[in-house]
Amino acid sequence: MKQLELYGQGTGGELVLTLPQLESRKHYLVSMEGKPVTEILKKTVKSKSNKQVRTHFGLLLKTVIVQANNEGIDTSDFLKLIVQDDLPTGVGLTNDFLHQLFLNVCPVYDEDGRKVTLSKMTTEQASKWLEDCRNLLASRGIYISDPDPNWKQSHLSHEAR
C-alpha cells in the first residue's frame, strides 16, 4: 500500500504545510484517484536527541556498571539496593515491564553466549524460560497455573457471552 507522511504545524485550526509538501499531497491524491484514501492527523513527538542517547548509554549505564563492579555488586545485590522500602509507588505493572524483567532475571543464551529474546527462542528454550519464570514467581508466592490446552475454545466461548 502506497503511503505518504507529511509533517506540518497545527496553526489556527489548520495544518500548515510547505509548498513542496502541498504538491506531494496533490500528486499522491491524483495517483490514488478512485481508490479509498484515509488522511490521519496526529500529534508528533520530538524524538530523543543524540545527546540524550549518549548520556543514557555512555554516562548513566556505564557509570552504574563501573561503580557496581568496583563495589562487587551483582544483579541480585543491585535489585535489592534499588528496590528498597522507600521506592516510590503508583506506577502499575505493564506487559513490557514484566517481559523485560523476566528476560533479564531469567536470561536465555544461544550457543555463542548471546542473550536471546522470546521471538528468537526455540520451542525448547521458550518452554524452559517459561518454567524458570513460573518457578521464580512461585518462590515469591505467585503461582501460575499450567497452560490450558483448550484455551482457544475457552476464549471463544467467553467471547460469545
N, C-alpha and C. Protein backbone atom coordinates (compact mmCIF):
# COMPACT_ATOMS: atom_id res chain seq x y z
N MET A 1 0.85 -1.17 0.00
CA MET A 1 0.00 0.00 0.00
C MET A 1 0.89 1.23 0.00
N LYS A 2 0.63 2.10 -0.93
CA LYS A 2 1.36 3.36 -1.05
C LYS A 2 0.96 4.28 0.10
N GLN A 3 1.95 4.94 0.68
CA GLN A 3 1.67 5.78 1.84
C GLN A 3 2.47 7.07 1.74
N LEU A 4 1.90 8.15 2.24
CA LEU A 4 2.56 9.44 2.25
C LEU A 4 2.47 10.02 3.65
N GLU A 5 3.60 10.43 4.19
CA GLU A 5 3.61 11.07 5.51
C GLU A 5 4.11 12.49 5.35
N LEU A 6 3.34 13.41 5.87
CA LEU A 6 3.72 14.82 5.84
C LEU A 6 3.71 15.35 7.27
N TYR A 7 4.70 16.16 7.59
CA TYR A 7 4.79 16.74 8.92
C TYR A 7 4.65 18.25 8.79
N GLY A 8 3.70 18.81 9.50
CA GLY A 8 3.47 20.25 9.45
C GLY A 8 3.20 20.80 10.83
N GLN A 9 2.77 22.05 10.86
CA GLN A 9 2.49 22.73 12.12
C GLN A 9 1.00 23.02 12.20
N GLY A 10 0.38 22.66 13.32
CA GLY A 10 -1.02 23.00 13.52
C GLY A 10 -1.12 24.46 13.94
N THR A 11 -1.81 25.26 13.13
CA THR A 11 -1.94 26.69 13.41
C THR A 11 -3.35 27.15 13.08
N GLY A 12 -4.04 27.72 14.04
CA GLY A 12 -5.36 28.28 13.81
C GLY A 12 -6.36 27.27 13.26
N GLY A 13 -6.28 26.03 13.69
CA GLY A 13 -7.21 25.01 13.23
C GLY A 13 -6.87 24.43 11.87
N GLU A 14 -5.72 24.77 11.33
CA GLU A 14 -5.29 24.27 10.02
C GLU A 14 -3.93 23.59 10.15
N LEU A 15 -3.69 22.63 9.26
CA LEU A 15 -2.38 22.01 9.17
C LEU A 15 -1.59 22.80 8.14
N VAL A 16 -0.54 23.47 8.57
CA VAL A 16 0.26 24.30 7.67
C VAL A 16 1.38 23.45 7.10
N LEU A 17 1.36 23.31 5.76
CA LEU A 17 2.38 22.54 5.04
C LEU A 17 3.16 23.48 4.13
N THR A 18 4.38 23.10 3.80
CA THR A 18 5.18 23.88 2.86
C THR A 18 4.64 23.66 1.45
N LEU A 19 5.04 24.50 0.52
CA LEU A 19 4.59 24.33 -0.88
C LEU A 19 4.99 22.97 -1.45
N PRO A 20 6.24 22.51 -1.24
CA PRO A 20 6.59 21.18 -1.75
C PRO A 20 5.73 20.07 -1.12
N GLN A 21 5.38 20.21 0.15
CA GLN A 21 4.53 19.22 0.80
C GLN A 21 3.13 19.24 0.19
N LEU A 22 2.61 20.43 -0.07
CA LEU A 22 1.28 20.54 -0.69
C LEU A 22 1.29 19.90 -2.07
N GLU A 23 2.37 20.10 -2.82
CA GLU A 23 2.50 19.48 -4.16
C GLU A 23 2.56 17.95 -4.03
N SER A 24 3.33 17.45 -3.08
CA SER A 24 3.42 15.99 -2.86
C SER A 24 2.06 15.41 -2.51
N ARG A 25 1.34 16.12 -1.66
CA ARG A 25 0.00 15.66 -1.27
C ARG A 25 -0.92 15.62 -2.48
N LYS A 26 -0.86 16.66 -3.32
CA LYS A 26 -1.70 16.72 -4.51
C LYS A 26 -1.37 15.57 -5.46
N HIS A 27 -0.07 15.34 -5.73
CA HIS A 27 0.35 14.25 -6.61
C HIS A 27 -0.08 12.89 -6.05
N TYR A 28 0.04 12.74 -4.76
CA TYR A 28 -0.37 11.49 -4.11
C TYR A 28 -1.86 11.24 -4.33
N LEU A 29 -2.66 12.27 -4.07
CA LEU A 29 -4.11 12.13 -4.22
C LEU A 29 -4.49 11.83 -5.67
N VAL A 30 -3.79 12.45 -6.62
CA VAL A 30 -4.04 12.16 -8.04
C VAL A 30 -3.70 10.70 -8.34
N SER A 31 -2.59 10.20 -7.79
CA SER A 31 -2.19 8.81 -8.04
C SER A 31 -3.15 7.81 -7.40
N MET A 32 -3.91 8.26 -6.43
CA MET A 32 -4.86 7.38 -5.74
C MET A 32 -6.29 7.59 -6.26
N GLU A 33 -6.42 8.25 -7.39
CA GLU A 33 -7.73 8.55 -7.97
C GLU A 33 -8.62 7.31 -8.02
N GLY A 34 -9.81 7.44 -7.46
CA GLY A 34 -10.78 6.35 -7.48
C GLY A 34 -10.57 5.30 -6.41
N LYS A 35 -9.52 5.42 -5.63
CA LYS A 35 -9.24 4.45 -4.57
C LYS A 35 -9.54 5.09 -3.23
N PRO A 36 -9.94 4.29 -2.25
CA PRO A 36 -10.19 4.89 -0.93
C PRO A 36 -8.89 5.40 -0.31
N VAL A 37 -8.97 6.56 0.30
CA VAL A 37 -7.80 7.19 0.92
C VAL A 37 -8.21 7.65 2.32
N THR A 38 -7.33 7.44 3.29
CA THR A 38 -7.56 7.92 4.64
C THR A 38 -6.45 8.90 4.99
N GLU A 39 -6.84 10.04 5.52
CA GLU A 39 -5.87 11.02 5.97
C GLU A 39 -5.96 11.05 7.50
N ILE A 40 -4.84 10.83 8.15
CA ILE A 40 -4.80 10.76 9.61
C ILE A 40 -3.94 11.92 10.12
N LEU A 41 -4.51 12.65 11.05
CA LEU A 41 -3.75 13.71 11.70
C LEU A 41 -3.39 13.25 13.10
N LYS A 42 -2.14 13.40 13.47
CA LYS A 42 -1.74 13.02 14.82
C LYS A 42 -0.63 13.94 15.29
N LYS A 43 -0.55 14.08 16.58
CA LYS A 43 0.48 14.90 17.17
C LYS A 43 1.80 14.15 17.09
N THR A 44 2.83 14.82 16.65
CA THR A 44 4.15 14.19 16.62
C THR A 44 4.92 14.61 17.85
N VAL A 45 5.74 13.72 18.31
CA VAL A 45 6.55 13.98 19.49
C VAL A 45 8.00 14.02 19.06
N LYS A 46 8.70 15.03 19.49
CA LYS A 46 10.10 15.15 19.14
C LYS A 46 10.87 13.96 19.69
N SER A 47 11.64 13.35 18.83
CA SER A 47 12.43 12.19 19.22
C SER A 47 13.53 12.60 20.19
N LYS A 48 14.05 11.59 20.89
CA LYS A 48 15.17 11.87 21.80
C LYS A 48 16.35 12.38 20.98
N SER A 49 17.17 13.17 21.61
CA SER A 49 18.34 13.73 20.93
C SER A 49 19.52 12.75 21.05
N ASN A 50 20.50 12.93 20.18
CA ASN A 50 21.72 12.12 20.26
C ASN A 50 22.41 12.32 21.60
N LYS A 51 22.34 13.55 22.11
CA LYS A 51 22.96 13.85 23.41
C LYS A 51 22.28 13.03 24.51
N GLN A 52 20.94 12.92 24.45
CA GLN A 52 20.22 12.13 25.46
C GLN A 52 20.62 10.65 25.38
N VAL A 53 20.72 10.13 24.16
CA VAL A 53 21.10 8.72 23.98
C VAL A 53 22.52 8.50 24.50
N ARG A 54 23.44 9.39 24.16
CA ARG A 54 24.82 9.26 24.64
C ARG A 54 24.89 9.35 26.16
N THR A 55 24.09 10.26 26.74
CA THR A 55 24.07 10.40 28.20
C THR A 55 23.56 9.12 28.84
N HIS A 56 22.51 8.53 28.27
CA HIS A 56 21.93 7.30 28.84
C HIS A 56 22.93 6.15 28.78
N PHE A 57 23.46 5.88 27.57
CA PHE A 57 24.34 4.73 27.41
C PHE A 57 25.78 5.01 27.85
N GLY A 58 26.29 6.19 27.53
CA GLY A 58 27.70 6.47 27.80
C GLY A 58 27.98 6.97 29.20
N LEU A 59 26.98 7.53 29.86
CA LEU A 59 27.20 8.06 31.20
C LEU A 59 26.43 7.26 32.25
N LEU A 60 25.11 7.30 32.17
CA LEU A 60 24.28 6.67 33.21
C LEU A 60 24.58 5.17 33.34
N LEU A 61 24.37 4.41 32.27
CA LEU A 61 24.55 2.96 32.36
C LEU A 61 26.00 2.59 32.64
N LYS A 62 26.92 3.22 31.93
CA LYS A 62 28.34 2.90 32.11
C LYS A 62 28.80 3.20 33.54
N THR A 63 28.37 4.33 34.11
CA THR A 63 28.75 4.71 35.47
C THR A 63 28.21 3.71 36.48
N VAL A 64 26.94 3.31 36.32
CA VAL A 64 26.36 2.33 37.24
C VAL A 64 27.15 1.02 37.17
N ILE A 65 27.47 0.56 35.97
CA ILE A 65 28.21 -0.71 35.83
C ILE A 65 29.60 -0.61 36.46
N VAL A 66 30.32 0.47 36.18
CA VAL A 66 31.66 0.63 36.73
C VAL A 66 31.62 0.66 38.26
N GLN A 67 30.70 1.47 38.82
CA GLN A 67 30.64 1.57 40.27
C GLN A 67 30.18 0.26 40.90
N ALA A 68 29.22 -0.42 40.27
CA ALA A 68 28.77 -1.71 40.81
C ALA A 68 29.90 -2.73 40.77
N ASN A 69 30.64 -2.77 39.67
CA ASN A 69 31.77 -3.70 39.57
C ASN A 69 32.84 -3.38 40.61
N ASN A 70 33.11 -2.09 40.83
CA ASN A 70 34.10 -1.69 41.83
C ASN A 70 33.69 -2.12 43.24
N GLU A 71 32.38 -2.12 43.50
CA GLU A 71 31.87 -2.49 44.82
C GLU A 71 31.52 -3.98 44.92
N GLY A 72 31.68 -4.73 43.83
CA GLY A 72 31.35 -6.15 43.84
C GLY A 72 29.84 -6.40 43.90
N ILE A 73 29.07 -5.49 43.33
CA ILE A 73 27.61 -5.61 43.35
C ILE A 73 27.15 -6.35 42.10
N ASP A 74 26.46 -7.48 42.30
CA ASP A 74 25.92 -8.22 41.16
C ASP A 74 24.44 -7.85 40.97
N THR A 75 23.76 -8.52 40.05
CA THR A 75 22.37 -8.14 39.73
C THR A 75 21.45 -8.28 40.94
N SER A 76 21.59 -9.36 41.71
CA SER A 76 20.70 -9.52 42.86
C SER A 76 20.95 -8.44 43.92
N ASP A 77 22.23 -8.10 44.14
CA ASP A 77 22.56 -7.02 45.07
C ASP A 77 22.01 -5.69 44.57
N PHE A 78 22.14 -5.46 43.26
CA PHE A 78 21.68 -4.21 42.68
C PHE A 78 20.17 -4.07 42.81
N LEU A 79 19.44 -5.16 42.55
CA LEU A 79 17.97 -5.11 42.68
C LEU A 79 17.57 -4.80 44.12
N LYS A 80 18.27 -5.41 45.09
CA LYS A 80 17.97 -5.13 46.49
C LYS A 80 18.27 -3.67 46.83
N LEU A 81 19.35 -3.15 46.26
CA LEU A 81 19.73 -1.77 46.51
C LEU A 81 18.70 -0.80 45.93
N ILE A 82 18.25 -1.07 44.72
CA ILE A 82 17.31 -0.18 44.04
C ILE A 82 15.89 -0.32 44.60
N VAL A 83 15.45 -1.53 44.84
CA VAL A 83 14.07 -1.76 45.27
C VAL A 83 14.04 -1.87 46.79
N GLN A 84 14.15 -0.73 47.44
CA GLN A 84 14.06 -0.68 48.89
C GLN A 84 12.67 -0.22 49.28
N ASP A 85 12.39 -0.24 50.57
CA ASP A 85 11.05 0.12 51.06
C ASP A 85 10.62 1.52 50.67
N ASP A 86 11.56 2.40 50.43
CA ASP A 86 11.19 3.78 50.12
C ASP A 86 11.04 4.06 48.63
N LEU A 87 11.02 3.01 47.81
CA LEU A 87 10.84 3.19 46.38
C LEU A 87 9.45 3.77 46.12
N PRO A 88 9.36 4.86 45.36
CA PRO A 88 8.04 5.46 45.10
C PRO A 88 7.11 4.45 44.43
N THR A 89 5.84 4.48 44.80
CA THR A 89 4.86 3.59 44.20
C THR A 89 3.88 4.39 43.36
N GLY A 90 2.92 3.70 42.79
CA GLY A 90 1.91 4.37 41.99
C GLY A 90 2.03 4.09 40.52
N VAL A 91 3.10 3.43 40.09
CA VAL A 91 3.24 3.07 38.69
C VAL A 91 2.86 1.60 38.56
N GLY A 92 1.84 1.32 37.78
CA GLY A 92 1.36 -0.04 37.63
C GLY A 92 2.27 -0.89 36.77
N LEU A 93 2.16 -2.19 36.95
CA LEU A 93 2.90 -3.13 36.13
C LEU A 93 2.35 -3.11 34.71
N THR A 94 3.24 -3.30 33.75
CA THR A 94 2.83 -3.39 32.35
C THR A 94 3.40 -4.66 31.74
N ASN A 95 2.84 -5.08 30.64
CA ASN A 95 3.36 -6.25 29.93
C ASN A 95 4.83 -6.05 29.57
N ASP A 96 5.15 -4.86 29.03
CA ASP A 96 6.52 -4.60 28.60
C ASP A 96 7.49 -4.65 29.78
N PHE A 97 7.12 -4.04 30.90
CA PHE A 97 7.98 -4.05 32.08
C PHE A 97 8.26 -5.49 32.53
N LEU A 98 7.19 -6.28 32.68
CA LEU A 98 7.36 -7.66 33.15
C LEU A 98 8.14 -8.49 32.14
N HIS A 99 7.84 -8.31 30.87
CA HIS A 99 8.55 -9.07 29.82
C HIS A 99 10.05 -8.78 29.90
N GLN A 100 10.43 -7.50 29.96
CA GLN A 100 11.84 -7.15 30.04
C GLN A 100 12.48 -7.64 31.34
N LEU A 101 11.74 -7.55 32.43
CA LEU A 101 12.26 -8.02 33.71
C LEU A 101 12.56 -9.52 33.65
N PHE A 102 11.60 -10.31 33.15
CA PHE A 102 11.81 -11.75 33.08
C PHE A 102 12.92 -12.12 32.11
N LEU A 103 13.08 -11.39 31.01
CA LEU A 103 14.18 -11.66 30.09
C LEU A 103 15.53 -11.41 30.76
N ASN A 104 15.54 -10.52 31.76
CA ASN A 104 16.80 -10.21 32.43
C ASN A 104 17.06 -11.04 33.67
N VAL A 105 16.02 -11.41 34.41
CA VAL A 105 16.26 -12.21 35.62
C VAL A 105 16.26 -13.70 35.32
N CYS A 106 15.70 -14.09 34.20
CA CYS A 106 15.73 -15.49 33.74
C CYS A 106 16.26 -15.52 32.31
N PRO A 107 17.51 -15.10 32.10
CA PRO A 107 18.01 -14.97 30.73
C PRO A 107 18.18 -16.32 30.03
N VAL A 108 18.09 -16.26 28.71
CA VAL A 108 18.32 -17.43 27.85
C VAL A 108 19.44 -17.03 26.90
N TYR A 109 20.39 -17.94 26.71
CA TYR A 109 21.54 -17.65 25.86
C TYR A 109 21.60 -18.64 24.71
N ASP A 110 22.12 -18.18 23.56
CA ASP A 110 22.32 -19.09 22.43
C ASP A 110 23.68 -19.79 22.59
N GLU A 111 24.05 -20.58 21.59
CA GLU A 111 25.31 -21.34 21.65
C GLU A 111 26.53 -20.43 21.75
N ASP A 112 26.41 -19.20 21.24
CA ASP A 112 27.54 -18.27 21.24
C ASP A 112 27.59 -17.41 22.51
N GLY A 113 26.68 -17.68 23.46
CA GLY A 113 26.67 -16.93 24.70
C GLY A 113 25.95 -15.60 24.65
N ARG A 114 25.21 -15.35 23.56
CA ARG A 114 24.44 -14.10 23.45
C ARG A 114 23.04 -14.32 23.98
N LYS A 115 22.50 -13.26 24.63
CA LYS A 115 21.13 -13.33 25.13
C LYS A 115 20.16 -13.48 23.97
N VAL A 116 19.11 -14.25 24.21
CA VAL A 116 18.09 -14.49 23.19
C VAL A 116 16.76 -13.91 23.68
N THR A 117 16.05 -13.21 22.81
CA THR A 117 14.72 -12.71 23.15
C THR A 117 13.70 -13.79 22.84
N LEU A 118 12.50 -13.64 23.35
CA LEU A 118 11.46 -14.64 23.16
C LEU A 118 11.22 -14.91 21.68
N SER A 119 11.23 -13.87 20.85
CA SER A 119 10.97 -14.06 19.43
C SER A 119 12.03 -14.91 18.74
N LYS A 120 13.22 -15.01 19.32
CA LYS A 120 14.31 -15.79 18.71
C LYS A 120 14.53 -17.14 19.40
N MET A 121 13.77 -17.43 20.47
CA MET A 121 13.94 -18.69 21.19
C MET A 121 13.36 -19.85 20.40
N THR A 122 14.00 -21.01 20.58
CA THR A 122 13.41 -22.25 20.06
C THR A 122 12.26 -22.64 20.99
N THR A 123 11.47 -23.61 20.58
CA THR A 123 10.37 -24.04 21.45
C THR A 123 10.90 -24.61 22.75
N GLU A 124 12.04 -25.30 22.70
CA GLU A 124 12.63 -25.86 23.92
C GLU A 124 13.11 -24.75 24.84
N GLN A 125 13.78 -23.73 24.27
CA GLN A 125 14.26 -22.61 25.08
C GLN A 125 13.08 -21.85 25.69
N ALA A 126 12.03 -21.64 24.90
CA ALA A 126 10.86 -20.91 25.41
C ALA A 126 10.19 -21.69 26.53
N SER A 127 10.08 -23.01 26.39
CA SER A 127 9.47 -23.83 27.45
C SER A 127 10.28 -23.74 28.73
N LYS A 128 11.60 -23.85 28.61
CA LYS A 128 12.46 -23.77 29.79
C LYS A 128 12.36 -22.37 30.41
N TRP A 129 12.36 -21.32 29.58
CA TRP A 129 12.27 -19.95 30.07
C TRP A 129 10.96 -19.73 30.82
N LEU A 130 9.85 -20.18 30.25
CA LEU A 130 8.57 -20.02 30.91
C LEU A 130 8.54 -20.78 32.24
N GLU A 131 9.12 -21.96 32.26
CA GLU A 131 9.18 -22.73 33.50
C GLU A 131 10.06 -22.02 34.53
N ASP A 132 11.18 -21.46 34.10
CA ASP A 132 12.05 -20.68 35.01
C ASP A 132 11.29 -19.49 35.59
N CYS A 133 10.52 -18.79 34.74
CA CYS A 133 9.74 -17.64 35.21
C CYS A 133 8.69 -18.09 36.23
N ARG A 134 8.01 -19.21 35.93
CA ARG A 134 7.00 -19.74 36.86
C ARG A 134 7.62 -20.13 38.18
N ASN A 135 8.79 -20.76 38.14
CA ASN A 135 9.47 -21.17 39.37
C ASN A 135 9.92 -19.96 40.19
N LEU A 136 10.43 -18.94 39.51
CA LEU A 136 10.83 -17.72 40.21
C LEU A 136 9.63 -17.10 40.91
N LEU A 137 8.52 -16.99 40.18
CA LEU A 137 7.31 -16.40 40.77
C LEU A 137 6.79 -17.26 41.93
N ALA A 138 6.81 -18.58 41.76
CA ALA A 138 6.32 -19.47 42.82
C ALA A 138 7.16 -19.31 44.09
N SER A 139 8.48 -19.06 43.92
CA SER A 139 9.33 -18.87 45.10
C SER A 139 8.98 -17.58 45.83
N ARG A 140 8.22 -16.71 45.17
CA ARG A 140 7.78 -15.44 45.78
C ARG A 140 6.29 -15.43 46.09
N GLY A 141 5.65 -16.61 46.00
CA GLY A 141 4.24 -16.73 46.37
C GLY A 141 3.25 -16.40 45.27
N ILE A 142 3.71 -16.29 44.04
CA ILE A 142 2.83 -16.05 42.90
C ILE A 142 2.82 -17.32 42.06
N TYR A 143 1.66 -17.97 42.00
CA TYR A 143 1.57 -19.26 41.33
C TYR A 143 0.86 -19.12 40.00
N ILE A 144 1.49 -19.60 38.96
CA ILE A 144 0.94 -19.56 37.61
C ILE A 144 0.50 -20.98 37.27
N SER A 145 -0.79 -21.14 36.93
CA SER A 145 -1.31 -22.47 36.63
C SER A 145 -0.74 -22.99 35.32
N ASP A 146 -0.87 -24.29 35.12
CA ASP A 146 -0.43 -24.88 33.86
C ASP A 146 -1.27 -24.30 32.73
N PRO A 147 -0.68 -24.18 31.55
CA PRO A 147 -1.44 -23.65 30.42
C PRO A 147 -2.63 -24.55 30.10
N ASP A 148 -3.73 -23.94 29.70
CA ASP A 148 -4.95 -24.66 29.33
C ASP A 148 -4.80 -25.13 27.89
N PRO A 149 -4.75 -26.44 27.66
CA PRO A 149 -4.60 -26.92 26.28
C PRO A 149 -5.81 -26.56 25.41
N ASN A 150 -6.94 -26.26 26.03
CA ASN A 150 -8.14 -25.89 25.29
C ASN A 150 -8.41 -24.39 25.37
N TRP A 151 -7.35 -23.59 25.49
CA TRP A 151 -7.50 -22.15 25.69
C TRP A 151 -8.29 -21.50 24.57
N LYS A 152 -8.10 -21.98 23.34
CA LYS A 152 -8.78 -21.35 22.21
C LYS A 152 -10.28 -21.52 22.33
N GLN A 153 -10.72 -22.72 22.68
CA GLN A 153 -12.16 -22.98 22.85
C GLN A 153 -12.71 -22.16 24.01
N SER A 154 -11.97 -22.11 25.12
CA SER A 154 -12.40 -21.35 26.30
C SER A 154 -12.53 -19.87 25.94
N HIS A 155 -11.55 -19.36 25.19
CA HIS A 155 -11.55 -17.95 24.80
C HIS A 155 -12.73 -17.65 23.89
N LEU A 156 -13.00 -18.53 22.94
CA LEU A 156 -14.11 -18.30 22.01
C LEU A 156 -15.45 -18.36 22.73
N SER A 157 -15.60 -19.28 23.71
CA SER A 157 -16.87 -19.37 24.42
C SER A 157 -17.10 -18.16 25.32
N HIS A 158 -16.00 -17.56 25.86
CA HIS A 158 -16.13 -16.34 26.67
C HIS A 158 -16.53 -15.16 25.80
N GLU A 159 -16.01 -15.11 24.55
CA GLU A 159 -16.36 -14.02 23.65
C GLU A 159 -17.82 -14.08 23.24
N ALA A 160 -18.35 -15.29 23.15
CA ALA A 160 -19.72 -15.47 22.71
C ALA A 160 -20.73 -14.97 23.75
N ARG A 161 -20.31 -14.87 24.98
CA ARG A 161 -21.21 -14.44 26.06
C ARG A 161 -21.56 -12.99 25.97
